[in-house]
Amino acid sequence: TNETCEFYIQLYEDIVIKSSNTLNITCKVNMATDGRIIVEKGAKLIIDGGEITTWSKQNIWDGIYIEGSGNGTPQNLTYQGQLEVKNGGTITNANVAVNTFIKDAYGNINWATTGGMIFCDNANFINNVKDVQFMYYHGLAINNNVCVFKNTNFKITGPLKSNALPDSRVSLYEVNGVKFLGCN
C-alpha cells in the first residue's frame, strides 16, 4: 500500500515498493549494509526532505534500483518506476545511490529493466561511491529521457565508508535528454 515514513527507522532487509504504490520518506532511514530499495514499474519513491543512509559505522549500503521496461517504451509510470528527491532530500553512503535498472539473481544488469525515472529538485547526493547510474535506454524520440536534476548537489565531503574510492558522480551510458539545471 501507499506508505509515509515520517519517523527515524533502522532497517535490516531490502525494501520493495510494489507497482501502483508510493513510499514517501520525510525522515532519516538507515539501511543495512548492502541493503537495497527496489522501485518496481508503476511505483514511486519520494524522498521529501528525508535522508537515506547506512546504519553501519564502517560499511555502505547498495542503493536504489528503479525498474523500467527497457527500450522502445515511453518514460511514464505505466512503463517505469520513479524516484523523486526534493526539499533537501538526501542520499548518502551508498555504493551507487540510484540505478535506473534492476539486477538479476546473479547480480548482473537486467537489460530489459532499464529506463527508470528520476526527478530531483533541491536534492543532495553525499559521499556515495557513485551517485547516479543511467544505463542504455532509448525511448520513442531522440531526446527521450525525461529525467531532471534541478539545484542538486553531488558531493564528496570526506573519506568514504568501506574504504571505497569515489567513482563518477553521474554516469550516462546510451541515454539522451537527461537535464542538469543549476547543479553542483
N, C-alpha and C. Protein backbone atom coordinates (compact mmCIF):
# COMPACT_ATOMS: atom_id res chain seq x y z
N THR A 1 0.84 -1.19 0.00
CA THR A 1 0.00 0.00 0.00
C THR A 1 0.88 1.24 0.00
N ASN A 2 0.26 2.39 -0.18
CA ASN A 2 0.98 3.65 -0.07
C ASN A 2 1.38 3.86 1.38
N GLU A 3 2.61 4.31 1.60
CA GLU A 3 3.12 4.50 2.96
C GLU A 3 3.88 5.82 3.04
N THR A 4 3.86 6.41 4.24
CA THR A 4 4.71 7.55 4.54
C THR A 4 5.57 7.19 5.73
N CYS A 5 6.86 7.30 5.57
CA CYS A 5 7.80 7.02 6.66
C CYS A 5 8.19 8.38 7.22
N GLU A 6 7.68 8.70 8.42
CA GLU A 6 7.91 10.02 8.99
C GLU A 6 8.58 9.99 10.36
N PHE A 7 9.15 8.84 10.71
CA PHE A 7 9.90 8.72 11.95
C PHE A 7 11.18 7.94 11.68
N TYR A 8 12.23 8.23 12.43
CA TYR A 8 13.53 7.58 12.27
C TYR A 8 13.34 6.06 12.29
N ILE A 9 13.97 5.37 11.34
CA ILE A 9 13.83 3.92 11.27
C ILE A 9 15.16 3.29 10.85
N GLN A 10 15.45 2.14 11.40
CA GLN A 10 16.65 1.37 11.04
C GLN A 10 16.16 0.05 10.45
N LEU A 11 16.59 -0.24 9.21
CA LEU A 11 16.12 -1.42 8.51
C LEU A 11 17.19 -2.50 8.45
N TYR A 12 16.74 -3.74 8.40
CA TYR A 12 17.66 -4.88 8.37
C TYR A 12 17.51 -5.71 7.10
N GLU A 13 16.63 -5.29 6.21
CA GLU A 13 16.45 -6.00 4.94
C GLU A 13 16.06 -5.01 3.85
N ASP A 14 15.98 -5.50 2.62
CA ASP A 14 15.65 -4.66 1.48
C ASP A 14 14.21 -4.15 1.57
N ILE A 15 13.95 -3.04 0.87
CA ILE A 15 12.60 -2.50 0.72
C ILE A 15 12.22 -2.71 -0.75
N VAL A 16 11.02 -3.23 -1.00
CA VAL A 16 10.50 -3.35 -2.37
C VAL A 16 9.20 -2.56 -2.42
N ILE A 17 9.16 -1.56 -3.31
CA ILE A 17 7.95 -0.76 -3.50
C ILE A 17 7.24 -1.35 -4.70
N LYS A 18 6.08 -1.93 -4.46
CA LYS A 18 5.32 -2.64 -5.49
C LYS A 18 4.61 -1.68 -6.43
N SER A 19 4.35 -2.14 -7.64
CA SER A 19 3.65 -1.37 -8.66
C SER A 19 2.36 -0.77 -8.11
N SER A 20 2.06 0.45 -8.52
CA SER A 20 0.87 1.22 -8.12
C SER A 20 0.94 1.76 -6.70
N ASN A 21 2.10 1.66 -6.04
CA ASN A 21 2.25 2.15 -4.68
C ASN A 21 3.33 3.22 -4.61
N THR A 22 3.23 4.06 -3.56
CA THR A 22 4.20 5.13 -3.32
C THR A 22 4.71 5.02 -1.89
N LEU A 23 6.03 5.13 -1.73
CA LEU A 23 6.64 5.26 -0.41
C LEU A 23 7.20 6.67 -0.33
N ASN A 24 6.72 7.45 0.65
CA ASN A 24 7.15 8.82 0.87
C ASN A 24 8.00 8.85 2.13
N ILE A 25 9.26 9.28 2.01
CA ILE A 25 10.19 9.32 3.14
C ILE A 25 10.43 10.78 3.51
N THR A 26 10.06 11.14 4.76
CA THR A 26 10.26 12.51 5.25
C THR A 26 11.16 12.52 6.49
N CYS A 27 11.83 11.41 6.77
CA CYS A 27 12.65 11.26 7.97
C CYS A 27 13.99 10.64 7.58
N LYS A 28 14.75 10.21 8.58
CA LYS A 28 16.01 9.51 8.32
C LYS A 28 15.74 8.01 8.31
N VAL A 29 16.17 7.34 7.24
CA VAL A 29 16.06 5.89 7.11
C VAL A 29 17.46 5.33 7.01
N ASN A 30 17.80 4.43 7.91
CA ASN A 30 19.12 3.79 7.92
C ASN A 30 18.99 2.39 7.34
N MET A 31 19.69 2.15 6.24
CA MET A 31 19.66 0.86 5.56
C MET A 31 20.77 -0.05 6.06
N ALA A 32 20.54 -1.35 5.97
CA ALA A 32 21.54 -2.35 6.34
C ALA A 32 22.70 -2.33 5.35
N THR A 33 23.85 -2.82 5.78
CA THR A 33 24.99 -2.97 4.88
C THR A 33 24.54 -3.78 3.66
N ASP A 34 24.85 -3.29 2.48
CA ASP A 34 24.46 -3.90 1.20
C ASP A 34 22.96 -3.93 0.98
N GLY A 35 22.17 -3.22 1.79
CA GLY A 35 20.71 -3.15 1.62
C GLY A 35 20.34 -2.39 0.35
N ARG A 36 19.15 -2.72 -0.18
CA ARG A 36 18.68 -2.09 -1.42
C ARG A 36 17.24 -1.64 -1.27
N ILE A 37 16.88 -0.64 -2.07
CA ILE A 37 15.49 -0.25 -2.24
C ILE A 37 15.18 -0.49 -3.71
N ILE A 38 14.14 -1.28 -3.97
CA ILE A 38 13.74 -1.60 -5.34
C ILE A 38 12.40 -0.93 -5.61
N VAL A 39 12.35 -0.11 -6.65
CA VAL A 39 11.14 0.58 -7.06
C VAL A 39 10.65 -0.10 -8.33
N GLU A 40 9.56 -0.86 -8.23
CA GLU A 40 9.06 -1.60 -9.38
C GLU A 40 8.40 -0.67 -10.39
N LYS A 41 8.19 -1.17 -11.62
CA LYS A 41 7.46 -0.42 -12.65
C LYS A 41 6.13 0.03 -12.08
N GLY A 42 5.78 1.30 -12.31
CA GLY A 42 4.50 1.82 -11.84
C GLY A 42 4.50 2.24 -10.38
N ALA A 43 5.64 2.13 -9.69
CA ALA A 43 5.75 2.52 -8.28
C ALA A 43 6.57 3.80 -8.17
N LYS A 44 6.42 4.50 -7.02
CA LYS A 44 7.17 5.73 -6.77
C LYS A 44 7.83 5.68 -5.40
N LEU A 45 9.05 6.23 -5.35
CA LEU A 45 9.73 6.52 -4.10
C LEU A 45 9.93 8.03 -4.07
N ILE A 46 9.43 8.68 -3.02
CA ILE A 46 9.59 10.12 -2.86
C ILE A 46 10.39 10.37 -1.58
N ILE A 47 11.52 11.06 -1.72
CA ILE A 47 12.31 11.46 -0.56
C ILE A 47 12.10 12.96 -0.43
N ASP A 48 11.21 13.34 0.47
CA ASP A 48 10.77 14.73 0.64
C ASP A 48 11.38 15.28 1.92
N GLY A 49 12.61 15.80 1.81
CA GLY A 49 13.30 16.33 2.96
C GLY A 49 13.92 15.27 3.85
N GLY A 50 13.69 14.00 3.55
CA GLY A 50 14.24 12.90 4.34
C GLY A 50 15.65 12.54 3.90
N GLU A 51 16.20 11.55 4.55
CA GLU A 51 17.55 11.08 4.24
C GLU A 51 17.58 9.56 4.26
N ILE A 52 18.25 8.97 3.28
CA ILE A 52 18.51 7.54 3.28
C ILE A 52 20.01 7.35 3.34
N THR A 53 20.46 6.55 4.31
CA THR A 53 21.88 6.32 4.54
C THR A 53 22.06 4.90 5.08
N THR A 54 23.24 4.57 5.52
CA THR A 54 23.50 3.27 6.14
C THR A 54 23.55 3.41 7.65
N TRP A 55 23.19 2.37 8.36
CA TRP A 55 23.32 2.42 9.82
C TRP A 55 24.69 1.93 10.27
N SER A 56 25.47 1.37 9.36
CA SER A 56 26.80 0.87 9.70
C SER A 56 27.77 2.03 9.87
N LYS A 57 28.63 1.93 10.86
CA LYS A 57 29.65 2.96 11.07
C LYS A 57 30.79 2.83 10.05
N GLN A 58 30.92 1.64 9.42
CA GLN A 58 32.06 1.41 8.54
C GLN A 58 31.69 1.01 7.12
N ASN A 59 30.47 0.52 6.88
CA ASN A 59 30.12 -0.03 5.57
C ASN A 59 29.03 0.77 4.87
N ILE A 60 28.96 0.58 3.57
CA ILE A 60 27.97 1.27 2.75
C ILE A 60 26.75 0.38 2.49
N TRP A 61 25.67 0.98 2.07
CA TRP A 61 24.51 0.22 1.61
C TRP A 61 24.57 0.20 0.10
N ASP A 62 23.78 -0.67 -0.56
CA ASP A 62 23.91 -0.88 -2.01
C ASP A 62 23.32 0.27 -2.81
N GLY A 63 22.08 0.70 -2.53
CA GLY A 63 21.48 1.81 -3.25
C GLY A 63 20.05 1.53 -3.68
N ILE A 64 19.52 2.43 -4.50
CA ILE A 64 18.15 2.38 -5.00
C ILE A 64 18.19 1.87 -6.44
N TYR A 65 17.28 0.96 -6.76
CA TYR A 65 17.14 0.41 -8.11
C TYR A 65 15.75 0.74 -8.61
N ILE A 66 15.67 1.44 -9.75
CA ILE A 66 14.38 1.84 -10.31
C ILE A 66 14.14 1.02 -11.56
N GLU A 67 13.09 0.21 -11.53
CA GLU A 67 12.79 -0.68 -12.64
C GLU A 67 12.11 0.06 -13.79
N GLY A 68 12.59 -0.22 -15.00
CA GLY A 68 11.95 0.26 -16.20
C GLY A 68 11.54 -0.92 -17.06
N SER A 69 11.08 -0.63 -18.26
CA SER A 69 10.67 -1.71 -19.15
C SER A 69 11.55 -1.81 -20.39
N GLY A 70 12.73 -1.20 -20.31
CA GLY A 70 13.68 -1.33 -21.40
C GLY A 70 13.40 -0.40 -22.56
N ASN A 71 14.05 -0.65 -23.66
CA ASN A 71 13.98 0.19 -24.85
C ASN A 71 12.60 0.21 -25.48
N GLY A 72 12.35 1.32 -26.20
CA GLY A 72 11.16 1.41 -27.03
C GLY A 72 9.87 1.73 -26.31
N THR A 73 9.95 2.08 -25.04
CA THR A 73 8.75 2.45 -24.29
C THR A 73 8.88 3.89 -23.83
N PRO A 74 7.78 4.61 -23.72
CA PRO A 74 7.86 5.98 -23.21
C PRO A 74 8.17 5.98 -21.71
N GLN A 75 8.74 7.08 -21.24
CA GLN A 75 9.00 7.19 -19.80
C GLN A 75 7.78 7.79 -19.13
N ASN A 76 7.00 6.92 -18.53
CA ASN A 76 5.87 7.32 -17.69
C ASN A 76 5.61 6.18 -16.72
N LEU A 77 4.73 6.39 -15.75
CA LEU A 77 4.52 5.39 -14.69
C LEU A 77 3.88 4.10 -15.18
N THR A 78 3.37 4.07 -16.39
CA THR A 78 2.85 2.82 -16.93
C THR A 78 4.00 1.84 -17.17
N TYR A 79 5.14 2.37 -17.61
CA TYR A 79 6.25 1.52 -18.03
C TYR A 79 7.47 1.56 -17.11
N GLN A 80 7.57 2.57 -16.26
CA GLN A 80 8.78 2.76 -15.47
C GLN A 80 8.45 3.02 -14.00
N GLY A 81 9.41 2.74 -13.13
CA GLY A 81 9.35 3.19 -11.74
C GLY A 81 9.89 4.61 -11.67
N GLN A 82 9.63 5.29 -10.54
CA GLN A 82 10.02 6.69 -10.44
C GLN A 82 10.59 7.01 -9.06
N LEU A 83 11.67 7.79 -9.05
CA LEU A 83 12.24 8.36 -7.84
C LEU A 83 12.12 9.87 -7.92
N GLU A 84 11.65 10.47 -6.83
CA GLU A 84 11.59 11.92 -6.72
C GLU A 84 12.31 12.30 -5.43
N VAL A 85 13.30 13.18 -5.53
CA VAL A 85 14.03 13.67 -4.36
C VAL A 85 13.88 15.19 -4.35
N LYS A 86 13.35 15.73 -3.24
CA LYS A 86 13.06 17.17 -3.21
C LYS A 86 13.19 17.73 -1.79
N ASN A 87 13.17 19.07 -1.72
CA ASN A 87 13.15 19.79 -0.44
C ASN A 87 14.29 19.39 0.49
N GLY A 88 15.50 19.26 -0.07
CA GLY A 88 16.66 18.90 0.73
C GLY A 88 16.80 17.41 0.98
N GLY A 89 16.01 16.59 0.29
CA GLY A 89 16.14 15.14 0.41
C GLY A 89 17.56 14.72 0.10
N THR A 90 18.06 13.70 0.82
CA THR A 90 19.47 13.34 0.76
C THR A 90 19.65 11.83 0.69
N ILE A 91 20.61 11.41 -0.14
CA ILE A 91 21.01 10.01 -0.22
C ILE A 91 22.51 9.98 0.03
N THR A 92 22.92 9.22 1.07
CA THR A 92 24.34 9.21 1.45
C THR A 92 24.85 7.79 1.66
N ASN A 93 26.17 7.67 1.57
CA ASN A 93 26.90 6.45 1.95
C ASN A 93 26.43 5.18 1.23
N ALA A 94 26.13 5.31 -0.06
CA ALA A 94 25.71 4.16 -0.87
C ALA A 94 26.81 3.77 -1.84
N ASN A 95 26.75 2.53 -2.31
CA ASN A 95 27.64 2.09 -3.38
C ASN A 95 27.31 2.89 -4.63
N VAL A 96 26.12 2.69 -5.19
CA VAL A 96 25.58 3.55 -6.24
C VAL A 96 24.23 4.01 -5.71
N ALA A 97 24.10 5.29 -5.42
CA ALA A 97 22.89 5.80 -4.77
C ALA A 97 21.64 5.45 -5.57
N VAL A 98 21.66 5.67 -6.91
CA VAL A 98 20.48 5.40 -7.73
C VAL A 98 20.89 4.74 -9.04
N ASN A 99 20.23 3.63 -9.35
CA ASN A 99 20.41 2.90 -10.61
C ASN A 99 19.10 2.91 -11.38
N THR A 100 19.16 3.11 -12.68
CA THR A 100 17.93 3.16 -13.49
C THR A 100 17.65 1.82 -14.16
N PHE A 101 17.81 0.76 -13.40
CA PHE A 101 17.59 -0.62 -13.84
C PHE A 101 17.55 -1.49 -12.59
N ILE A 102 17.27 -2.76 -12.75
CA ILE A 102 17.44 -3.70 -11.64
C ILE A 102 18.36 -4.83 -12.08
N LYS A 103 18.89 -5.53 -11.09
CA LYS A 103 19.80 -6.64 -11.35
C LYS A 103 19.05 -7.96 -11.29
N ASP A 104 19.60 -8.95 -11.99
CA ASP A 104 19.02 -10.30 -11.93
C ASP A 104 19.54 -11.01 -10.67
N ALA A 105 19.15 -12.26 -10.50
CA ALA A 105 19.51 -13.03 -9.30
C ALA A 105 21.02 -13.23 -9.16
N TYR A 106 21.77 -13.06 -10.25
CA TYR A 106 23.21 -13.25 -10.23
C TYR A 106 23.97 -11.94 -10.06
N GLY A 107 23.25 -10.82 -9.91
CA GLY A 107 23.88 -9.52 -9.74
C GLY A 107 24.24 -8.82 -11.02
N ASN A 108 23.75 -9.32 -12.16
CA ASN A 108 24.00 -8.70 -13.46
C ASN A 108 22.87 -7.75 -13.81
N ILE A 109 23.17 -6.75 -14.63
CA ILE A 109 22.14 -5.83 -15.10
C ILE A 109 21.12 -6.59 -15.92
N ASN A 110 19.85 -6.42 -15.60
CA ASN A 110 18.78 -6.97 -16.42
C ASN A 110 18.43 -5.89 -17.44
N TRP A 111 18.91 -6.06 -18.67
CA TRP A 111 18.79 -5.02 -19.70
C TRP A 111 17.35 -4.78 -20.12
N ALA A 112 16.44 -5.66 -19.77
CA ALA A 112 15.02 -5.45 -20.07
C ALA A 112 14.34 -4.55 -19.03
N THR A 113 15.12 -4.05 -18.05
CA THR A 113 14.54 -3.23 -16.98
C THR A 113 15.11 -1.81 -16.95
N THR A 114 15.80 -1.36 -17.99
CA THR A 114 16.36 -0.01 -17.99
C THR A 114 15.26 1.02 -18.23
N GLY A 115 15.56 2.27 -17.91
CA GLY A 115 14.62 3.36 -18.18
C GLY A 115 13.93 3.94 -16.96
N GLY A 116 14.33 3.52 -15.75
CA GLY A 116 13.74 4.10 -14.54
C GLY A 116 13.88 5.62 -14.54
N MET A 117 12.90 6.32 -13.95
CA MET A 117 12.84 7.78 -13.99
C MET A 117 13.30 8.41 -12.67
N ILE A 118 14.01 9.56 -12.79
CA ILE A 118 14.50 10.30 -11.63
C ILE A 118 14.16 11.77 -11.82
N PHE A 119 13.57 12.36 -10.76
CA PHE A 119 13.27 13.79 -10.75
C PHE A 119 13.79 14.36 -9.43
N CYS A 120 14.80 15.25 -9.51
CA CYS A 120 15.39 15.83 -8.31
C CYS A 120 15.27 17.35 -8.36
N ASP A 121 14.86 17.95 -7.26
CA ASP A 121 14.80 19.40 -7.11
C ASP A 121 15.21 19.74 -5.69
N ASN A 122 16.36 20.41 -5.55
CA ASN A 122 16.92 20.71 -4.24
C ASN A 122 17.23 19.41 -3.50
N ALA A 123 18.01 18.55 -4.16
CA ALA A 123 18.37 17.24 -3.64
C ALA A 123 19.87 17.19 -3.33
N ASN A 124 20.26 16.20 -2.52
CA ASN A 124 21.66 16.04 -2.14
C ASN A 124 22.09 14.59 -2.28
N PHE A 125 23.22 14.39 -2.94
CA PHE A 125 23.88 13.09 -3.03
C PHE A 125 25.25 13.29 -2.39
N ILE A 126 25.48 12.65 -1.24
CA ILE A 126 26.70 12.93 -0.48
C ILE A 126 27.42 11.64 -0.11
N ASN A 127 28.72 11.62 -0.41
CA ASN A 127 29.63 10.53 -0.03
C ASN A 127 29.17 9.15 -0.49
N ASN A 128 28.68 9.08 -1.71
CA ASN A 128 28.39 7.80 -2.35
C ASN A 128 29.56 7.45 -3.25
N VAL A 129 29.80 6.16 -3.48
CA VAL A 129 30.86 5.77 -4.41
C VAL A 129 30.51 6.35 -5.79
N LYS A 130 29.27 6.17 -6.23
CA LYS A 130 28.73 6.81 -7.43
C LYS A 130 27.34 7.29 -7.05
N ASP A 131 26.93 8.44 -7.58
CA ASP A 131 25.62 8.99 -7.21
C ASP A 131 24.49 8.43 -8.07
N VAL A 132 24.64 8.47 -9.39
CA VAL A 132 23.56 8.03 -10.27
C VAL A 132 24.16 7.27 -11.45
N GLN A 133 23.51 6.16 -11.81
CA GLN A 133 23.97 5.35 -12.93
C GLN A 133 22.82 5.12 -13.90
N PHE A 134 22.92 5.76 -15.07
CA PHE A 134 21.95 5.55 -16.15
C PHE A 134 22.52 4.50 -17.09
N MET A 135 21.72 3.51 -17.44
CA MET A 135 22.14 2.51 -18.42
C MET A 135 21.28 2.62 -19.67
N TYR A 136 21.75 2.02 -20.72
CA TYR A 136 21.16 2.05 -22.05
C TYR A 136 19.64 2.13 -22.02
N TYR A 137 19.11 3.24 -22.57
CA TYR A 137 17.67 3.39 -22.70
C TYR A 137 17.38 4.30 -23.88
N HIS A 138 16.63 3.80 -24.82
CA HIS A 138 16.17 4.59 -25.97
C HIS A 138 14.66 4.44 -26.03
N GLY A 139 13.97 5.54 -25.84
CA GLY A 139 12.51 5.52 -25.90
C GLY A 139 12.03 5.71 -27.33
N LEU A 140 10.99 6.48 -27.48
CA LEU A 140 10.36 6.64 -28.79
C LEU A 140 10.82 7.90 -29.53
N ALA A 141 11.62 8.76 -28.89
CA ALA A 141 12.09 10.00 -29.52
C ALA A 141 13.59 10.16 -29.27
N ILE A 142 14.23 11.10 -29.97
CA ILE A 142 15.68 11.27 -29.85
C ILE A 142 16.06 11.69 -28.43
N ASN A 143 15.51 12.77 -27.91
CA ASN A 143 15.77 13.20 -26.53
C ASN A 143 14.64 12.67 -25.66
N ASN A 144 14.68 11.37 -25.45
CA ASN A 144 13.54 10.67 -24.89
C ASN A 144 13.57 10.49 -23.38
N ASN A 145 14.65 10.88 -22.73
CA ASN A 145 14.73 10.67 -21.29
C ASN A 145 14.17 11.90 -20.59
N VAL A 146 13.20 11.71 -19.71
CA VAL A 146 12.51 12.82 -19.05
C VAL A 146 13.14 13.19 -17.70
N CYS A 147 14.24 12.53 -17.31
CA CYS A 147 14.84 12.75 -16.00
C CYS A 147 15.42 14.16 -15.89
N VAL A 148 15.24 14.77 -14.68
CA VAL A 148 15.69 16.13 -14.45
C VAL A 148 16.34 16.23 -13.07
N PHE A 149 17.49 16.89 -13.04
CA PHE A 149 18.18 17.23 -11.79
C PHE A 149 18.25 18.75 -11.73
N LYS A 150 17.54 19.35 -10.79
CA LYS A 150 17.49 20.80 -10.66
C LYS A 150 18.01 21.17 -9.27
N ASN A 151 18.98 22.10 -9.21
CA ASN A 151 19.53 22.55 -7.93
C ASN A 151 19.95 21.38 -7.05
N THR A 152 20.63 20.43 -7.66
CA THR A 152 21.04 19.21 -6.95
C THR A 152 22.54 19.26 -6.66
N ASN A 153 22.92 18.82 -5.46
CA ASN A 153 24.32 18.78 -5.04
C ASN A 153 24.83 17.36 -5.12
N PHE A 154 25.97 17.18 -5.79
CA PHE A 154 26.67 15.90 -5.88
C PHE A 154 28.02 16.13 -5.20
N LYS A 155 28.20 15.57 -3.97
CA LYS A 155 29.40 15.95 -3.20
C LYS A 155 30.09 14.76 -2.53
N ILE A 156 31.42 14.90 -2.46
CA ILE A 156 32.25 14.05 -1.60
C ILE A 156 32.81 15.01 -0.55
N THR A 157 32.52 14.74 0.73
CA THR A 157 32.94 15.65 1.78
C THR A 157 34.04 15.08 2.67
N GLY A 158 34.44 13.83 2.42
CA GLY A 158 35.48 13.20 3.21
C GLY A 158 35.67 11.77 2.76
N PRO A 159 36.47 10.99 3.51
CA PRO A 159 36.70 9.59 3.15
C PRO A 159 35.37 8.81 3.11
N LEU A 160 35.27 7.90 2.14
CA LEU A 160 34.06 7.08 2.01
C LEU A 160 34.13 5.87 2.93
N LYS A 161 32.98 5.39 3.32
CA LYS A 161 32.91 4.17 4.14
C LYS A 161 33.38 2.98 3.32
N SER A 162 33.67 1.88 3.97
CA SER A 162 34.17 0.65 3.35
C SER A 162 35.51 0.86 2.65
N ASN A 163 36.21 1.96 2.98
CA ASN A 163 37.47 2.31 2.33
C ASN A 163 37.33 2.39 0.81
N ALA A 164 36.13 2.71 0.35
CA ALA A 164 35.86 2.80 -1.09
C ALA A 164 36.49 4.06 -1.67
N LEU A 165 36.79 3.98 -2.96
CA LEU A 165 37.28 5.14 -3.69
C LEU A 165 36.13 5.71 -4.52
N PRO A 166 36.01 7.03 -4.59
CA PRO A 166 34.91 7.60 -5.37
C PRO A 166 35.03 7.29 -6.85
N ASP A 167 33.89 7.07 -7.46
CA ASP A 167 33.77 6.89 -8.90
C ASP A 167 33.17 8.19 -9.44
N SER A 168 32.64 8.18 -10.63
CA SER A 168 32.00 9.37 -11.18
C SER A 168 30.75 9.71 -10.37
N ARG A 169 30.36 10.98 -10.38
CA ARG A 169 29.13 11.37 -9.68
C ARG A 169 27.92 10.85 -10.44
N VAL A 170 27.92 11.00 -11.76
CA VAL A 170 26.82 10.51 -12.60
C VAL A 170 27.43 9.86 -13.83
N SER A 171 26.94 8.67 -14.18
CA SER A 171 27.37 8.05 -15.44
C SER A 171 26.14 7.85 -16.31
N LEU A 172 26.32 8.13 -17.60
CA LEU A 172 25.23 8.00 -18.57
C LEU A 172 25.72 7.14 -19.72
N TYR A 173 25.14 5.98 -19.88
CA TYR A 173 25.52 5.08 -20.96
C TYR A 173 24.35 4.94 -21.92
N GLU A 174 24.50 5.50 -23.12
CA GLU A 174 23.49 5.39 -24.18
C GLU A 174 22.13 5.93 -23.75
N VAL A 175 22.12 7.14 -23.19
CA VAL A 175 20.86 7.83 -22.88
C VAL A 175 20.94 9.24 -23.43
N ASN A 176 19.81 9.81 -23.76
CA ASN A 176 19.72 11.17 -24.28
C ASN A 176 18.62 11.93 -23.54
N GLY A 177 18.85 13.23 -23.35
CA GLY A 177 17.79 14.09 -22.85
C GLY A 177 17.77 14.34 -21.35
N VAL A 178 18.63 13.72 -20.56
CA VAL A 178 18.66 13.98 -19.12
C VAL A 178 19.09 15.44 -18.92
N LYS A 179 18.37 16.16 -18.05
CA LYS A 179 18.65 17.58 -17.84
C LYS A 179 19.28 17.81 -16.46
N PHE A 180 20.35 18.65 -16.43
CA PHE A 180 21.00 19.10 -15.21
C PHE A 180 20.91 20.61 -15.20
N LEU A 181 20.18 21.16 -14.24
CA LEU A 181 19.91 22.60 -14.18
C LEU A 181 20.34 23.16 -12.83
N GLY A 182 21.37 24.02 -12.80
CA GLY A 182 21.81 24.66 -11.58
C GLY A 182 22.36 23.70 -10.54
N CYS A 183 23.04 22.65 -10.98
CA CYS A 183 23.57 21.63 -10.05
C CYS A 183 25.02 21.93 -9.68
N ASN A 184 25.44 21.41 -8.54
CA ASN A 184 26.83 21.49 -8.11
C ASN A 184 27.41 20.09 -8.11
